[in-house]
């Protein structure tokens, strides 16, 4: 039997009853939509605030870690020996000399 019939399942009757109840309570469709929209907006704002807090906490953790890394003993860059310094300098010079020439426009 179809949905509208009384024997098959009184969905339309239930729906209209709900609508009547809502109307009596002053919750017309537009009002219900407005309420739902406001609720969603509130939820959205709450979510944004939570996300902001999480980001802030993450940033603070990252800063703490960075500080700890800097101050950790044995982590500081060891000064290179003269030979290593020369090697690095030469290597950088090689890199510079092997750069591709920039195209002239």
N, C-alpha and C. Protein backbone atom coordinates (compact mmCIF):
# COMPACT_ATOMS: atom_id res chain seq x y z
N UNK A 1 0.84 -1.20 0.00
CA UNK A 1 0.00 0.00 0.00
C UNK A 1 0.88 1.26 0.00
N UNK A 2 0.34 2.31 -0.56
CA UNK A 2 1.11 3.56 -0.68
C UNK A 2 1.31 4.24 0.66
N UNK A 3 2.17 5.19 0.66
CA UNK A 3 2.50 5.86 1.92
C UNK A 3 1.34 6.67 2.49
N UNK A 4 0.55 7.22 1.60
CA UNK A 4 -0.49 8.13 2.06
C UNK A 4 -1.67 7.43 2.72
N UNK A 5 -1.85 6.15 2.45
CA UNK A 5 -3.05 5.47 2.93
C UNK A 5 -2.97 5.24 4.43
N UNK A 6 -4.13 5.15 5.02
CA UNK A 6 -4.20 5.03 6.48
C UNK A 6 -3.69 3.68 6.94
N UNK A 7 -4.03 2.61 6.20
CA UNK A 7 -3.65 1.27 6.63
C UNK A 7 -2.15 1.01 6.41
N UNK A 8 -1.65 1.51 5.27
CA UNK A 8 -0.27 1.20 4.91
C UNK A 8 0.75 1.72 5.91
N UNK A 9 0.57 2.87 6.37
CA UNK A 9 1.51 3.48 7.29
C UNK A 9 1.21 4.95 7.30
N UNK A 10 0.82 5.44 8.42
CA UNK A 10 0.25 6.78 8.45
C UNK A 10 1.34 7.83 8.53
N UNK A 11 2.27 7.81 7.55
CA UNK A 11 3.37 8.77 7.59
C UNK A 11 2.87 10.18 7.38
N UNK A 12 1.95 10.34 6.42
CA UNK A 12 1.50 11.71 6.14
C UNK A 12 0.71 12.25 7.33
N UNK A 13 -0.06 11.39 7.96
CA UNK A 13 -0.84 11.82 9.12
C UNK A 13 0.12 12.24 10.24
N UNK A 14 1.16 11.39 10.47
CA UNK A 14 2.14 11.71 11.50
C UNK A 14 2.82 13.04 11.18
N UNK A 15 3.21 13.20 9.92
CA UNK A 15 3.91 14.41 9.49
C UNK A 15 3.04 15.63 9.71
N UNK A 16 1.77 15.53 9.29
CA UNK A 16 0.89 16.69 9.42
C UNK A 16 0.64 16.98 10.90
N UNK A 17 0.57 15.93 11.70
CA UNK A 17 0.37 16.11 13.14
C UNK A 17 1.56 16.86 13.73
N UNK A 18 2.76 16.43 13.33
CA UNK A 18 3.98 17.10 13.81
C UNK A 18 3.97 18.56 13.41
N UNK A 19 3.57 18.80 12.15
CA UNK A 19 3.54 20.17 11.63
C UNK A 19 2.56 21.01 12.45
N UNK A 20 1.40 20.42 12.76
CA UNK A 20 0.39 21.13 13.55
C UNK A 20 0.94 21.46 14.93
N UNK A 21 1.58 20.48 15.54
CA UNK A 21 2.17 20.70 16.87
C UNK A 21 3.19 21.83 16.83
N UNK A 22 4.03 21.78 15.81
CA UNK A 22 5.07 22.79 15.66
C UNK A 22 4.43 24.17 15.48
N UNK A 23 3.36 24.20 14.68
CA UNK A 23 2.69 25.47 14.43
C UNK A 23 2.10 26.02 15.71
N UNK A 24 1.50 25.12 16.52
CA UNK A 24 0.91 25.55 17.80
C UNK A 24 2.01 26.12 18.70
N UNK A 25 3.19 25.50 18.64
CA UNK A 25 4.30 25.95 19.49
C UNK A 25 4.98 27.20 18.92
N UNK A 26 4.55 27.60 17.72
CA UNK A 26 5.11 28.80 17.11
C UNK A 26 6.38 28.50 16.31
N UNK A 27 6.67 27.21 16.12
CA UNK A 27 7.85 26.84 15.33
C UNK A 27 7.43 26.54 13.91
N UNK A 28 7.24 27.58 13.14
CA UNK A 28 6.90 27.36 11.74
C UNK A 28 8.18 26.92 11.04
N UNK A 29 8.05 26.47 9.80
CA UNK A 29 9.20 25.93 9.07
C UNK A 29 10.35 26.95 9.02
N UNK A 30 10.01 28.18 8.69
CA UNK A 30 11.06 29.20 8.56
C UNK A 30 11.76 29.41 9.90
N UNK A 31 10.97 29.39 10.97
CA UNK A 31 11.55 29.58 12.30
C UNK A 31 12.47 28.42 12.65
N UNK A 32 12.01 27.21 12.33
CA UNK A 32 12.82 26.01 12.60
C UNK A 32 14.13 26.10 11.83
N UNK A 33 14.04 26.55 10.57
CA UNK A 33 15.25 26.70 9.74
C UNK A 33 16.20 27.71 10.37
N UNK A 34 15.59 28.81 10.87
CA UNK A 34 16.41 29.86 11.48
C UNK A 34 17.13 29.31 12.70
N UNK A 35 16.39 28.59 13.52
CA UNK A 35 16.97 28.00 14.73
C UNK A 35 18.10 27.05 14.35
N UNK A 36 17.84 26.20 13.34
CA UNK A 36 18.85 25.23 12.90
C UNK A 36 20.09 25.95 12.40
N UNK A 37 19.87 27.03 11.62
CA UNK A 37 20.99 27.80 11.07
C UNK A 37 21.83 28.41 12.19
N UNK A 38 21.14 28.98 13.19
CA UNK A 38 21.84 29.60 14.32
C UNK A 38 22.66 28.55 15.07
N UNK A 39 22.04 27.39 15.26
CA UNK A 39 22.72 26.29 15.95
C UNK A 39 24.00 25.91 15.20
N UNK A 40 23.87 25.79 13.87
CA UNK A 40 25.02 25.42 13.03
C UNK A 40 26.12 26.47 13.13
N UNK A 41 25.70 27.75 13.10
CA UNK A 41 26.67 28.84 13.18
C UNK A 41 27.42 28.78 14.51
N UNK A 42 26.64 28.57 15.60
CA UNK A 42 27.26 28.47 16.92
C UNK A 42 28.27 27.34 16.95
N UNK A 43 27.85 26.21 16.37
CA UNK A 43 28.73 25.03 16.32
C UNK A 43 30.01 25.36 15.56
N UNK A 44 29.83 26.05 14.43
CA UNK A 44 30.96 26.41 13.57
C UNK A 44 31.94 27.30 14.34
N UNK A 45 31.39 28.31 15.02
CA UNK A 45 32.24 29.23 15.78
C UNK A 45 32.99 28.47 16.87
N UNK A 46 32.28 27.57 17.56
CA UNK A 46 32.90 26.79 18.62
C UNK A 46 34.04 25.96 18.05
N UNK A 47 33.77 25.32 16.90
CA UNK A 47 34.81 24.51 16.25
C UNK A 47 36.03 25.35 15.89
N UNK A 48 35.76 26.57 15.36
CA UNK A 48 36.86 27.47 14.98
C UNK A 48 37.71 27.80 16.21
N UNK A 49 37.03 28.10 17.33
CA UNK A 49 37.77 28.45 18.55
C UNK A 49 38.62 27.28 19.00
N UNK A 50 38.05 26.08 18.95
CA UNK A 50 38.78 24.88 19.37
C UNK A 50 40.01 24.70 18.48
N UNK A 51 39.80 24.84 17.15
CA UNK A 51 40.91 24.68 16.21
C UNK A 51 42.00 25.70 16.49
N UNK A 52 41.58 26.95 16.80
CA UNK A 52 42.52 28.02 17.11
C UNK A 52 43.36 27.65 18.32
N UNK A 53 42.68 27.15 19.36
CA UNK A 53 43.37 26.75 20.58
C UNK A 53 44.39 25.65 20.28
N UNK A 54 43.96 24.67 19.46
CA UNK A 54 44.85 23.56 19.12
C UNK A 54 46.08 24.09 18.40
N UNK A 55 45.85 24.99 17.42
CA UNK A 55 46.97 25.57 16.66
C UNK A 55 47.93 26.29 17.60
N UNK A 56 47.34 27.06 18.53
CA UNK A 56 48.15 27.83 19.47
C UNK A 56 49.02 26.88 20.30
N UNK A 57 48.41 25.82 20.81
CA UNK A 57 49.12 24.84 21.62
C UNK A 57 50.24 24.19 20.81
N UNK A 58 49.92 23.83 19.55
CA UNK A 58 50.93 23.22 18.67
C UNK A 58 52.12 24.15 18.49
N UNK A 59 51.81 25.44 18.25
CA UNK A 59 52.87 26.42 18.02
C UNK A 59 53.76 26.51 19.26
N UNK A 60 53.11 26.57 20.43
CA UNK A 60 53.88 26.67 21.68
C UNK A 60 54.76 25.45 21.88
N UNK A 61 54.21 24.27 21.59
CA UNK A 61 55.00 23.03 21.71
C UNK A 61 56.21 23.09 20.79
N UNK A 62 55.97 23.53 19.56
CA UNK A 62 57.05 23.60 18.57
C UNK A 62 58.14 24.55 19.05
N UNK A 63 57.71 25.70 19.61
CA UNK A 63 58.69 26.68 20.11
C UNK A 63 59.49 26.09 21.26
N UNK A 64 58.81 25.39 22.17
CA UNK A 64 59.50 24.76 23.30
C UNK A 64 60.54 23.77 22.79
N UNK A 65 60.12 22.94 21.82
CA UNK A 65 61.03 21.94 21.27
C UNK A 65 62.25 22.61 20.64
N UNK A 66 61.99 23.68 19.89
CA UNK A 66 63.08 24.39 19.22
C UNK A 66 64.07 24.93 20.26
N UNK A 67 63.54 25.52 21.33
CA UNK A 67 64.40 26.05 22.40
C UNK A 67 65.22 24.93 23.01
N UNK A 68 64.55 23.80 23.27
CA UNK A 68 65.23 22.67 23.90
C UNK A 68 66.34 22.18 22.99
N UNK A 69 66.05 22.15 21.67
CA UNK A 69 67.06 21.68 20.71
C UNK A 69 68.27 22.60 20.73
N UNK A 70 67.98 23.93 20.80
CA UNK A 70 69.08 24.89 20.77
C UNK A 70 69.96 24.74 22.01
N UNK A 71 69.30 24.56 23.16
CA UNK A 71 70.05 24.58 24.42
C UNK A 71 70.63 23.22 24.78
N UNK A 72 70.27 22.18 23.99
CA UNK A 72 70.74 20.85 24.35
C UNK A 72 72.25 20.77 24.16
N UNK A 73 72.96 20.27 25.17
CA UNK A 73 74.41 20.18 25.04
C UNK A 73 74.78 19.10 24.02
N UNK A 74 75.88 19.34 23.31
CA UNK A 74 76.32 18.36 22.32
C UNK A 74 75.58 18.48 21.01
N UNK A 75 74.56 19.31 20.98
CA UNK A 75 73.82 19.48 19.74
C UNK A 75 74.34 20.66 18.94
N UNK A 76 75.12 21.51 19.63
CA UNK A 76 75.60 22.71 18.94
C UNK A 76 76.53 22.27 17.82
N UNK A 77 76.56 23.06 16.75
CA UNK A 77 77.42 22.69 15.62
C UNK A 77 78.87 22.72 16.10
N UNK A 78 79.52 21.63 15.94
CA UNK A 78 80.92 21.59 16.34
C UNK A 78 81.71 22.40 15.32
N UNK A 79 82.68 23.15 15.84
CA UNK A 79 83.46 23.97 14.92
C UNK A 79 84.31 23.05 14.04
N UNK A 80 84.35 23.37 12.78
CA UNK A 80 85.08 22.52 11.84
C UNK A 80 86.58 22.77 11.98
N UNK A 81 87.34 21.73 11.73
CA UNK A 81 88.80 21.89 11.73
C UNK A 81 89.18 22.70 10.51
N UNK A 82 90.43 23.20 10.51
CA UNK A 82 90.89 24.05 9.39
C UNK A 82 90.73 23.31 8.05
N UNK A 83 91.11 22.04 8.04
CA UNK A 83 91.03 21.26 6.80
C UNK A 83 89.60 21.16 6.31
N UNK A 84 88.67 20.89 7.25
CA UNK A 84 87.26 20.75 6.87
C UNK A 84 86.72 22.08 6.37
N UNK A 85 87.15 23.18 7.02
CA UNK A 85 86.70 24.50 6.58
C UNK A 85 87.13 24.74 5.14
N UNK A 86 88.39 24.41 4.86
CA UNK A 86 88.93 24.62 3.51
C UNK A 86 88.15 23.77 2.52
N UNK A 87 87.88 22.51 2.92
CA UNK A 87 87.13 21.60 2.04
C UNK A 87 85.77 22.19 1.69
N UNK A 88 85.09 22.66 2.73
CA UNK A 88 83.76 23.22 2.51
C UNK A 88 83.82 24.43 1.59
N UNK A 89 84.81 25.31 1.85
CA UNK A 89 84.95 26.52 1.05
C UNK A 89 85.16 26.15 -0.41
N UNK A 90 86.05 25.18 -0.63
CA UNK A 90 86.33 24.74 -2.00
C UNK A 90 85.08 24.18 -2.65
N UNK A 91 84.35 23.39 -1.89
CA UNK A 91 83.15 22.76 -2.42
C UNK A 91 82.15 23.84 -2.83
N UNK A 92 82.00 24.86 -1.97
CA UNK A 92 81.06 25.94 -2.29
C UNK A 92 81.51 26.69 -3.54
N UNK A 93 82.82 26.89 -3.66
CA UNK A 93 83.34 27.56 -4.85
C UNK A 93 83.05 26.74 -6.10
N UNK A 94 83.22 25.42 -5.98
CA UNK A 94 82.93 24.54 -7.11
C UNK A 94 81.47 24.67 -7.49
N UNK A 95 80.60 24.66 -6.46
CA UNK A 95 79.16 24.78 -6.73
C UNK A 95 78.87 26.09 -7.46
N UNK A 96 79.48 27.16 -6.98
CA UNK A 96 79.22 28.47 -7.58
C UNK A 96 79.70 28.48 -9.03
N UNK A 97 80.91 27.93 -9.26
CA UNK A 97 81.48 27.98 -10.61
C UNK A 97 80.72 27.07 -11.58
N UNK A 98 80.03 26.06 -11.05
CA UNK A 98 79.30 25.15 -11.92
C UNK A 98 77.83 25.51 -12.09
N UNK A 99 77.47 26.68 -11.59
CA UNK A 99 76.08 27.10 -11.75
C UNK A 99 75.77 27.31 -13.22
N UNK A 100 74.52 27.09 -13.58
CA UNK A 100 74.11 27.34 -14.95
C UNK A 100 74.10 28.85 -15.18
N UNK A 101 74.58 29.30 -16.29
CA UNK A 101 74.53 30.75 -16.56
C UNK A 101 73.07 31.19 -16.67
N UNK A 102 72.78 32.34 -16.08
CA UNK A 102 71.40 32.81 -16.12
C UNK A 102 71.08 33.29 -17.52
N UNK A 103 69.88 32.93 -17.96
CA UNK A 103 69.47 33.30 -19.32
C UNK A 103 69.25 34.81 -19.39
N UNK A 104 69.85 35.43 -20.41
CA UNK A 104 69.63 36.87 -20.57
C UNK A 104 68.33 37.07 -21.34
N UNK A 105 67.53 37.96 -20.83
CA UNK A 105 66.22 38.16 -21.45
C UNK A 105 66.30 39.13 -22.61
